[in-house]
Amino acid sequence: MVRGLCTIVICLIVTGGLYTTGMAAEERNNQPIQIKSSDLATDTANRTATFTGKVSARQGDVTIYSDRLVIFYSEKEKDVDKVEAFGNVRIVQGDRTALAGHAVYENKAGKIILYDNPSVYQGENVVTGKEITYYLDTQRSQVTSAPGEPVKAIIYPKEKGKDAGANR
């Protein structure tokens, strides 16, 4: 029972408010991807574009910041298949911020997998683990831990919100 309650709470924190603050998948996917970086290298044969140096990529309500961003295009549709972000990864969607050393966005699955010390913040609440997967378009997420290490969550009561963090 406690494990089930913890799972529900973590899911609510990581994905809570996704529909209220987030954009619908179809609406987001119809938006242009706006990317800024210091450099761009393309490889037509391997269907990749690599952006380096203070990268910011925005599509709809999701913005990804990183040191390097590699976009992989699908062979048939010439559409974005997946995006990998490396170094100082920060992903912002509404009031949620995810931090990691490496992230992979799988376009068709609508999910982002965070690796290398990932954490997700929503307000003062925070969840950390070995790997965090969150689905942009549904109310699902999964946080896994390393062997012998727990998943960690700090959750503040809604009614106390900002007051709870002020006393730290």
N, C-alpha and C. Protein backbone atom coordinates (compact mmCIF):
# COMPACT_ATOMS: atom_id res chain seq x y z
N MET A 1 0.82 -1.19 0.00
CA MET A 1 0.00 0.00 0.00
C MET A 1 0.87 1.26 0.00
N VAL A 2 1.90 1.30 0.86
CA VAL A 2 2.78 2.46 0.92
C VAL A 2 3.51 2.65 -0.41
N ARG A 3 3.99 1.53 -0.99
CA ARG A 3 4.69 1.61 -2.27
C ARG A 3 3.77 2.17 -3.36
N GLY A 4 2.52 1.72 -3.38
CA GLY A 4 1.55 2.22 -4.36
C GLY A 4 1.28 3.70 -4.18
N LEU A 5 1.17 4.15 -2.92
CA LEU A 5 0.95 5.56 -2.64
C LEU A 5 2.14 6.39 -3.09
N CYS A 6 3.35 5.90 -2.82
CA CYS A 6 4.57 6.62 -3.24
C CYS A 6 4.62 6.75 -4.76
N THR A 7 4.27 5.68 -5.45
CA THR A 7 4.27 5.71 -6.91
C THR A 7 3.28 6.75 -7.42
N ILE A 8 2.11 6.80 -6.84
CA ILE A 8 1.10 7.78 -7.25
C ILE A 8 1.58 9.19 -6.99
N VAL A 9 2.16 9.42 -5.81
CA VAL A 9 2.66 10.74 -5.46
C VAL A 9 3.75 11.19 -6.42
N ILE A 10 4.70 10.30 -6.71
CA ILE A 10 5.80 10.65 -7.61
C ILE A 10 5.25 10.96 -9.00
N CYS A 11 4.32 10.16 -9.47
CA CYS A 11 3.72 10.41 -10.79
C CYS A 11 3.03 11.77 -10.82
N LEU A 12 2.34 12.12 -9.73
CA LEU A 12 1.66 13.41 -9.67
C LEU A 12 2.66 14.56 -9.69
N ILE A 13 3.78 14.38 -9.00
CA ILE A 13 4.79 15.44 -8.98
C ILE A 13 5.43 15.62 -10.34
N VAL A 14 5.91 14.53 -10.91
CA VAL A 14 6.66 14.61 -12.16
C VAL A 14 5.76 15.03 -13.31
N THR A 15 4.52 14.56 -13.33
CA THR A 15 3.66 14.87 -14.46
C THR A 15 2.47 15.73 -14.09
N GLY A 16 2.34 16.08 -12.84
CA GLY A 16 1.19 16.86 -12.40
C GLY A 16 1.02 18.13 -13.20
N GLY A 17 -0.20 18.43 -13.57
CA GLY A 17 -0.48 19.64 -14.27
C GLY A 17 -0.06 19.63 -15.73
N LEU A 18 0.32 18.49 -16.26
CA LEU A 18 0.80 18.44 -17.64
C LEU A 18 -0.24 18.96 -18.61
N TYR A 19 -1.47 18.54 -18.42
CA TYR A 19 -2.51 18.98 -19.33
C TYR A 19 -2.92 20.42 -19.06
N THR A 20 -2.82 20.87 -17.81
CA THR A 20 -3.24 22.22 -17.52
C THR A 20 -2.19 23.25 -17.91
N THR A 21 -0.90 22.89 -17.81
CA THR A 21 0.13 23.85 -18.16
C THR A 21 0.79 23.51 -19.50
N GLY A 22 0.60 22.30 -19.97
CA GLY A 22 1.28 21.87 -21.18
C GLY A 22 0.41 21.98 -22.40
N MET A 23 1.05 21.84 -23.52
CA MET A 23 0.39 21.90 -24.80
C MET A 23 0.05 20.48 -25.25
N ALA A 24 -1.02 20.30 -25.97
CA ALA A 24 -1.35 18.99 -26.50
C ALA A 24 -0.30 18.57 -27.52
N ALA A 25 -0.09 17.26 -27.63
CA ALA A 25 0.95 16.72 -28.52
C ALA A 25 0.78 17.20 -29.95
N GLU A 26 -0.40 17.13 -30.48
CA GLU A 26 -0.63 17.52 -31.86
C GLU A 26 -0.31 19.00 -32.06
N GLU A 27 -0.73 19.81 -31.10
CA GLU A 27 -0.47 21.24 -31.20
C GLU A 27 1.03 21.52 -31.14
N ARG A 28 1.75 20.85 -30.22
CA ARG A 28 3.20 21.04 -30.10
C ARG A 28 3.91 20.58 -31.37
N ASN A 29 3.55 19.39 -31.88
CA ASN A 29 4.22 18.84 -33.06
C ASN A 29 4.00 19.67 -34.31
N ASN A 30 2.96 20.48 -34.34
CA ASN A 30 2.70 21.36 -35.48
C ASN A 30 3.48 22.67 -35.38
N GLN A 31 4.12 22.90 -34.25
CA GLN A 31 4.91 24.11 -34.05
C GLN A 31 6.31 23.93 -34.66
N PRO A 32 6.92 25.00 -35.13
CA PRO A 32 8.29 24.88 -35.64
C PRO A 32 9.26 24.64 -34.49
N ILE A 33 10.39 24.00 -34.79
CA ILE A 33 11.46 23.83 -33.82
C ILE A 33 12.43 24.99 -34.04
N GLN A 34 12.64 25.78 -33.00
CA GLN A 34 13.54 26.93 -33.09
C GLN A 34 14.81 26.59 -32.32
N ILE A 35 15.94 26.58 -33.01
CA ILE A 35 17.20 26.19 -32.38
C ILE A 35 18.22 27.32 -32.53
N LYS A 36 18.91 27.60 -31.42
CA LYS A 36 20.00 28.56 -31.42
C LYS A 36 21.23 27.86 -30.86
N SER A 37 22.41 28.11 -31.47
CA SER A 37 23.66 27.52 -30.99
C SER A 37 24.82 28.31 -31.58
N SER A 38 26.03 27.96 -31.11
CA SER A 38 27.23 28.59 -31.66
C SER A 38 27.60 27.99 -33.01
N ASP A 39 27.43 26.66 -33.16
CA ASP A 39 27.82 25.97 -34.39
C ASP A 39 26.78 24.93 -34.80
N LEU A 40 26.78 24.61 -36.08
CA LEU A 40 25.91 23.57 -36.62
C LEU A 40 26.70 22.76 -37.63
N ALA A 41 26.66 21.43 -37.49
CA ALA A 41 27.26 20.52 -38.47
C ALA A 41 26.18 19.54 -38.91
N THR A 42 26.01 19.38 -40.22
CA THR A 42 25.01 18.44 -40.73
C THR A 42 25.70 17.28 -41.43
N ASP A 43 25.03 16.14 -41.39
CA ASP A 43 25.53 14.92 -42.05
C ASP A 43 24.34 14.30 -42.77
N THR A 44 24.20 14.61 -44.04
CA THR A 44 23.07 14.14 -44.83
C THR A 44 23.03 12.62 -44.92
N ALA A 45 24.17 12.00 -45.09
CA ALA A 45 24.22 10.53 -45.22
C ALA A 45 23.70 9.83 -43.97
N ASN A 46 24.04 10.36 -42.81
CA ASN A 46 23.58 9.76 -41.55
C ASN A 46 22.32 10.41 -41.00
N ARG A 47 21.77 11.37 -41.74
CA ARG A 47 20.53 12.06 -41.38
C ARG A 47 20.61 12.67 -39.97
N THR A 48 21.68 13.44 -39.71
CA THR A 48 21.83 14.10 -38.41
C THR A 48 22.18 15.56 -38.58
N ALA A 49 21.84 16.32 -37.56
CA ALA A 49 22.26 17.71 -37.44
C ALA A 49 22.76 17.87 -36.01
N THR A 50 23.99 18.38 -35.85
CA THR A 50 24.59 18.52 -34.53
C THR A 50 24.82 20.00 -34.23
N PHE A 51 24.19 20.46 -33.18
CA PHE A 51 24.32 21.84 -32.73
C PHE A 51 25.22 21.84 -31.50
N THR A 52 26.18 22.77 -31.44
CA THR A 52 27.08 22.84 -30.28
C THR A 52 27.21 24.28 -29.81
N GLY A 53 27.49 24.41 -28.53
CA GLY A 53 27.74 25.72 -27.93
C GLY A 53 26.49 26.46 -27.54
N LYS A 54 26.17 26.44 -26.26
CA LYS A 54 25.01 27.17 -25.71
C LYS A 54 23.75 26.93 -26.55
N VAL A 55 23.37 25.68 -26.65
CA VAL A 55 22.23 25.29 -27.47
C VAL A 55 20.92 25.53 -26.73
N SER A 56 19.96 26.09 -27.42
CA SER A 56 18.58 26.15 -26.93
C SER A 56 17.68 25.74 -28.08
N ALA A 57 16.80 24.79 -27.80
CA ALA A 57 15.86 24.29 -28.80
C ALA A 57 14.46 24.37 -28.21
N ARG A 58 13.56 25.01 -28.93
CA ARG A 58 12.20 25.19 -28.41
C ARG A 58 11.19 24.73 -29.45
N GLN A 59 10.22 23.96 -28.97
CA GLN A 59 9.07 23.60 -29.80
C GLN A 59 7.85 23.69 -28.90
N GLY A 60 6.97 24.62 -29.23
CA GLY A 60 5.77 24.81 -28.42
C GLY A 60 6.13 25.19 -26.99
N ASP A 61 5.66 24.41 -26.05
CA ASP A 61 5.86 24.72 -24.63
C ASP A 61 7.08 24.03 -24.02
N VAL A 62 7.91 23.36 -24.82
CA VAL A 62 9.08 22.64 -24.32
C VAL A 62 10.35 23.29 -24.85
N THR A 63 11.28 23.60 -23.94
CA THR A 63 12.57 24.16 -24.32
C THR A 63 13.67 23.29 -23.73
N ILE A 64 14.65 22.94 -24.56
CA ILE A 64 15.79 22.14 -24.13
C ILE A 64 17.05 22.98 -24.27
N TYR A 65 17.82 23.06 -23.19
CA TYR A 65 19.11 23.75 -23.19
C TYR A 65 20.19 22.69 -22.98
N SER A 66 21.32 22.81 -23.68
CA SER A 66 22.41 21.85 -23.50
C SER A 66 23.69 22.40 -24.14
N ASP A 67 24.79 21.66 -23.94
CA ASP A 67 26.05 22.02 -24.58
C ASP A 67 26.09 21.52 -26.02
N ARG A 68 25.46 20.36 -26.26
CA ARG A 68 25.43 19.77 -27.61
C ARG A 68 24.08 19.10 -27.80
N LEU A 69 23.52 19.26 -28.98
CA LEU A 69 22.22 18.67 -29.30
C LEU A 69 22.33 18.01 -30.68
N VAL A 70 21.96 16.73 -30.75
CA VAL A 70 22.01 16.00 -32.01
C VAL A 70 20.59 15.61 -32.39
N ILE A 71 20.19 16.00 -33.59
CA ILE A 71 18.86 15.66 -34.10
C ILE A 71 19.02 14.56 -35.13
N PHE A 72 18.26 13.49 -34.96
CA PHE A 72 18.26 12.35 -35.88
C PHE A 72 16.95 12.39 -36.67
N TYR A 73 17.07 12.36 -37.99
CA TYR A 73 15.89 12.39 -38.85
C TYR A 73 15.56 10.99 -39.33
N SER A 74 14.25 10.71 -39.47
CA SER A 74 13.83 9.41 -39.97
C SER A 74 14.10 9.35 -41.47
N GLU A 75 14.32 8.14 -41.97
CA GLU A 75 14.68 7.96 -43.37
C GLU A 75 13.51 8.22 -44.30
N LYS A 76 12.36 7.71 -43.96
CA LYS A 76 11.22 7.80 -44.87
C LYS A 76 10.52 9.15 -44.81
N GLU A 77 10.15 9.60 -43.59
CA GLU A 77 9.34 10.81 -43.49
C GLU A 77 10.15 12.09 -43.50
N LYS A 78 11.47 11.99 -43.34
CA LYS A 78 12.35 13.16 -43.23
C LYS A 78 11.90 14.04 -42.07
N ASP A 79 11.37 13.42 -41.03
CA ASP A 79 10.89 14.11 -39.84
C ASP A 79 11.84 13.80 -38.69
N VAL A 80 11.74 14.53 -37.61
CA VAL A 80 12.60 14.28 -36.45
C VAL A 80 12.22 12.96 -35.82
N ASP A 81 13.20 12.07 -35.70
CA ASP A 81 13.00 10.76 -35.09
C ASP A 81 13.31 10.83 -33.60
N LYS A 82 14.51 11.35 -33.27
CA LYS A 82 14.87 11.53 -31.87
C LYS A 82 15.86 12.67 -31.75
N VAL A 83 15.98 13.15 -30.53
CA VAL A 83 16.90 14.24 -30.22
C VAL A 83 17.69 13.82 -28.99
N GLU A 84 19.01 13.98 -29.04
CA GLU A 84 19.85 13.69 -27.87
C GLU A 84 20.54 14.98 -27.45
N ALA A 85 20.46 15.26 -26.14
CA ALA A 85 21.10 16.44 -25.57
C ALA A 85 22.21 15.97 -24.64
N PHE A 86 23.36 16.64 -24.71
CA PHE A 86 24.53 16.26 -23.91
C PHE A 86 25.07 17.47 -23.17
N GLY A 87 25.43 17.28 -21.92
CA GLY A 87 26.10 18.31 -21.14
C GLY A 87 25.19 19.42 -20.66
N ASN A 88 25.12 19.58 -19.34
CA ASN A 88 24.32 20.66 -18.73
C ASN A 88 22.90 20.73 -19.30
N VAL A 89 22.25 19.59 -19.36
CA VAL A 89 20.91 19.52 -19.94
C VAL A 89 19.89 20.11 -18.96
N ARG A 90 19.07 21.01 -19.49
CA ARG A 90 17.96 21.58 -18.73
C ARG A 90 16.76 21.61 -19.65
N ILE A 91 15.66 21.01 -19.21
CA ILE A 91 14.44 20.97 -20.01
C ILE A 91 13.35 21.67 -19.21
N VAL A 92 12.69 22.62 -19.85
CA VAL A 92 11.66 23.40 -19.18
C VAL A 92 10.34 23.20 -19.92
N GLN A 93 9.30 22.87 -19.15
CA GLN A 93 7.93 22.79 -19.68
C GLN A 93 7.01 23.32 -18.59
N GLY A 94 6.45 24.48 -18.82
CA GLY A 94 5.58 25.08 -17.81
C GLY A 94 6.36 25.34 -16.53
N ASP A 95 5.83 24.87 -15.40
CA ASP A 95 6.51 25.09 -14.12
C ASP A 95 7.43 23.93 -13.74
N ARG A 96 7.68 23.02 -14.68
CA ARG A 96 8.59 21.90 -14.43
C ARG A 96 9.94 22.17 -15.08
N THR A 97 10.99 21.80 -14.37
CA THR A 97 12.35 21.87 -14.91
C THR A 97 13.04 20.55 -14.64
N ALA A 98 13.65 19.98 -15.66
CA ALA A 98 14.41 18.74 -15.52
C ALA A 98 15.88 19.06 -15.76
N LEU A 99 16.74 18.46 -14.94
CA LEU A 99 18.18 18.64 -15.08
C LEU A 99 18.83 17.28 -15.23
N ALA A 100 19.85 17.17 -16.09
CA ALA A 100 20.56 15.91 -16.29
C ALA A 100 21.84 16.17 -17.08
N GLY A 101 22.69 15.16 -17.16
CA GLY A 101 23.88 15.25 -17.97
C GLY A 101 23.62 14.82 -19.41
N HIS A 102 22.56 14.01 -19.61
CA HIS A 102 22.24 13.46 -20.93
C HIS A 102 20.74 13.23 -20.98
N ALA A 103 20.13 13.54 -22.10
CA ALA A 103 18.69 13.31 -22.28
C ALA A 103 18.42 12.85 -23.70
N VAL A 104 17.43 11.97 -23.84
CA VAL A 104 17.02 11.48 -25.15
C VAL A 104 15.52 11.71 -25.29
N TYR A 105 15.14 12.44 -26.34
CA TYR A 105 13.72 12.67 -26.64
C TYR A 105 13.36 11.79 -27.81
N GLU A 106 12.39 10.90 -27.60
CA GLU A 106 11.90 10.02 -28.66
C GLU A 106 10.58 10.61 -29.16
N ASN A 107 10.60 11.15 -30.36
CA ASN A 107 9.47 11.89 -30.88
C ASN A 107 8.18 11.07 -30.97
N LYS A 108 8.24 9.90 -31.59
CA LYS A 108 7.01 9.11 -31.77
C LYS A 108 6.42 8.65 -30.45
N ALA A 109 7.26 8.32 -29.48
CA ALA A 109 6.79 7.88 -28.16
C ALA A 109 6.39 9.07 -27.30
N GLY A 110 6.82 10.27 -27.68
CA GLY A 110 6.49 11.46 -26.89
C GLY A 110 7.09 11.42 -25.50
N LYS A 111 8.31 10.85 -25.38
CA LYS A 111 8.91 10.73 -24.06
C LYS A 111 10.33 11.25 -24.05
N ILE A 112 10.74 11.69 -22.87
CA ILE A 112 12.11 12.13 -22.65
C ILE A 112 12.69 11.25 -21.56
N ILE A 113 13.88 10.69 -21.82
CA ILE A 113 14.58 9.87 -20.83
C ILE A 113 15.79 10.66 -20.36
N LEU A 114 15.88 10.85 -19.05
CA LEU A 114 16.97 11.62 -18.46
C LEU A 114 17.96 10.69 -17.80
N TYR A 115 19.25 10.91 -18.07
CA TYR A 115 20.33 10.10 -17.51
C TYR A 115 21.35 11.01 -16.84
N ASP A 116 22.31 10.40 -16.13
CA ASP A 116 23.44 11.12 -15.56
C ASP A 116 22.98 12.16 -14.53
N ASN A 117 22.64 11.67 -13.35
CA ASN A 117 22.19 12.50 -12.22
C ASN A 117 20.93 13.32 -12.54
N PRO A 118 19.87 12.67 -13.01
CA PRO A 118 18.67 13.43 -13.36
C PRO A 118 17.86 13.85 -12.14
N SER A 119 17.20 14.98 -12.26
CA SER A 119 16.26 15.45 -11.26
C SER A 119 15.18 16.26 -11.96
N VAL A 120 13.97 16.20 -11.42
CA VAL A 120 12.86 16.96 -11.96
C VAL A 120 12.28 17.80 -10.83
N TYR A 121 12.12 19.09 -11.10
CA TYR A 121 11.59 20.04 -10.12
C TYR A 121 10.25 20.55 -10.61
N GLN A 122 9.32 20.67 -9.68
CA GLN A 122 8.06 21.34 -9.96
C GLN A 122 7.79 22.19 -8.74
N GLY A 123 7.95 23.49 -8.89
CA GLY A 123 7.91 24.37 -7.73
C GLY A 123 9.07 23.98 -6.82
N GLU A 124 8.80 23.76 -5.54
CA GLU A 124 9.84 23.34 -4.61
C GLU A 124 9.97 21.83 -4.52
N ASN A 125 9.05 21.09 -5.13
CA ASN A 125 9.10 19.63 -5.11
C ASN A 125 10.19 19.13 -6.04
N VAL A 126 10.82 18.02 -5.65
CA VAL A 126 11.90 17.48 -6.48
C VAL A 126 11.90 15.96 -6.40
N VAL A 127 12.20 15.33 -7.53
CA VAL A 127 12.34 13.87 -7.61
C VAL A 127 13.68 13.59 -8.27
N THR A 128 14.46 12.64 -7.69
CA THR A 128 15.74 12.25 -8.28
C THR A 128 15.82 10.73 -8.32
N GLY A 129 16.64 10.22 -9.21
CA GLY A 129 16.85 8.78 -9.35
C GLY A 129 17.99 8.55 -10.32
N LYS A 130 18.19 7.31 -10.70
CA LYS A 130 19.23 6.99 -11.68
C LYS A 130 18.78 7.38 -13.08
N GLU A 131 17.51 7.11 -13.37
CA GLU A 131 16.94 7.39 -14.69
C GLU A 131 15.51 7.85 -14.51
N ILE A 132 15.14 8.92 -15.20
CA ILE A 132 13.77 9.44 -15.13
C ILE A 132 13.22 9.50 -16.54
N THR A 133 12.08 8.86 -16.74
CA THR A 133 11.40 8.91 -18.03
C THR A 133 10.09 9.63 -17.82
N TYR A 134 9.84 10.67 -18.61
CA TYR A 134 8.52 11.27 -18.52
C TYR A 134 7.95 11.47 -19.91
N TYR A 135 6.67 11.27 -19.94
CA TYR A 135 5.92 11.31 -21.18
C TYR A 135 5.27 12.69 -21.28
N LEU A 136 5.60 13.41 -22.34
CA LEU A 136 5.13 14.78 -22.48
C LEU A 136 3.63 14.89 -22.65
N ASP A 137 3.00 13.89 -23.20
CA ASP A 137 1.61 14.03 -23.60
C ASP A 137 0.61 13.20 -22.80
N THR A 138 1.10 12.51 -21.79
CA THR A 138 0.20 11.73 -20.93
C THR A 138 0.62 11.96 -19.49
N GLN A 139 -0.17 11.50 -18.58
CA GLN A 139 0.14 11.68 -17.17
C GLN A 139 0.88 10.46 -16.63
N ARG A 140 2.03 10.13 -17.27
CA ARG A 140 2.82 8.98 -16.83
C ARG A 140 4.27 9.37 -16.71
N SER A 141 4.93 8.75 -15.75
CA SER A 141 6.36 8.90 -15.61
C SER A 141 6.91 7.69 -14.89
N GLN A 142 8.22 7.54 -14.96
CA GLN A 142 8.86 6.42 -14.27
C GLN A 142 10.22 6.90 -13.79
N VAL A 143 10.49 6.63 -12.51
CA VAL A 143 11.78 6.97 -11.91
C VAL A 143 12.38 5.68 -11.40
N THR A 144 13.60 5.37 -11.86
CA THR A 144 14.26 4.15 -11.39
C THR A 144 15.50 4.54 -10.61
N SER A 145 15.91 3.64 -9.75
CA SER A 145 17.08 3.91 -8.92
C SER A 145 18.22 2.99 -9.31
N ALA A 146 19.41 3.37 -8.91
CA ALA A 146 20.58 2.53 -9.10
C ALA A 146 20.54 1.43 -8.04
N PRO A 147 21.19 0.29 -8.28
CA PRO A 147 21.21 -0.78 -7.28
C PRO A 147 21.73 -0.25 -5.94
N GLY A 148 20.96 -0.50 -4.90
CA GLY A 148 21.35 -0.07 -3.56
C GLY A 148 21.07 1.39 -3.26
N GLU A 149 20.55 2.14 -4.21
CA GLU A 149 20.24 3.56 -4.03
C GLU A 149 18.73 3.76 -4.17
N PRO A 150 18.13 4.56 -3.31
CA PRO A 150 16.69 4.80 -3.43
C PRO A 150 16.36 5.92 -4.42
N VAL A 151 15.14 5.89 -4.91
CA VAL A 151 14.58 7.05 -5.59
C VAL A 151 14.26 8.04 -4.48
N LYS A 152 14.54 9.31 -4.69
CA LYS A 152 14.31 10.31 -3.65
C LYS A 152 13.30 11.34 -4.13
N ALA A 153 12.41 11.72 -3.23
CA ALA A 153 11.41 12.74 -3.53
C ALA A 153 11.24 13.64 -2.32
N ILE A 154 11.16 14.92 -2.58
CA ILE A 154 10.83 15.90 -1.55
C ILE A 154 9.55 16.56 -2.01
N ILE A 155 8.51 16.41 -1.20
CA ILE A 155 7.18 16.86 -1.59
C ILE A 155 6.65 17.79 -0.51
N TYR A 156 6.26 18.98 -0.90
CA TYR A 156 5.69 19.94 0.04
C TYR A 156 4.18 19.94 -0.10
N PRO A 157 3.47 20.04 1.02
CA PRO A 157 2.00 20.10 0.95
C PRO A 157 1.57 21.31 0.12
N LYS A 158 0.53 21.14 -0.65
CA LYS A 158 0.05 22.22 -1.52
C LYS A 158 -0.26 23.49 -0.75
N GLU A 159 -0.98 23.35 0.36
CA GLU A 159 -1.40 24.53 1.09
C GLU A 159 -0.26 25.27 1.76
N LYS A 160 0.89 24.60 1.96
CA LYS A 160 2.03 25.26 2.58
C LYS A 160 3.00 25.77 1.54
N GLY A 161 3.08 25.08 0.42
CA GLY A 161 3.90 25.47 -0.74
C GLY A 161 5.13 26.29 -0.43
N LYS A 162 5.08 27.59 -0.68
CA LYS A 162 6.23 28.46 -0.54
C LYS A 162 6.64 28.62 0.92
N ASP A 163 5.69 28.61 1.85
CA ASP A 163 6.02 28.78 3.26
C ASP A 163 6.90 27.67 3.76
N ALA A 164 6.69 26.44 3.28
CA ALA A 164 7.46 25.29 3.75
C ALA A 164 8.93 25.43 3.39
N GLY A 165 9.23 25.97 2.23
CA GLY A 165 10.62 26.12 1.81
C GLY A 165 11.30 27.31 2.44
N ALA A 166 10.55 28.30 2.92
CA ALA A 166 11.13 29.50 3.50
C ALA A 166 11.79 29.24 4.83
N ASN A 167 11.38 28.18 5.53
CA ASN A 167 11.91 27.88 6.85
C ASN A 167 13.14 27.01 6.81
N ARG A 168 13.67 26.68 5.65
CA ARG A 168 14.84 25.82 5.55
C ARG A 168 16.09 26.54 5.94
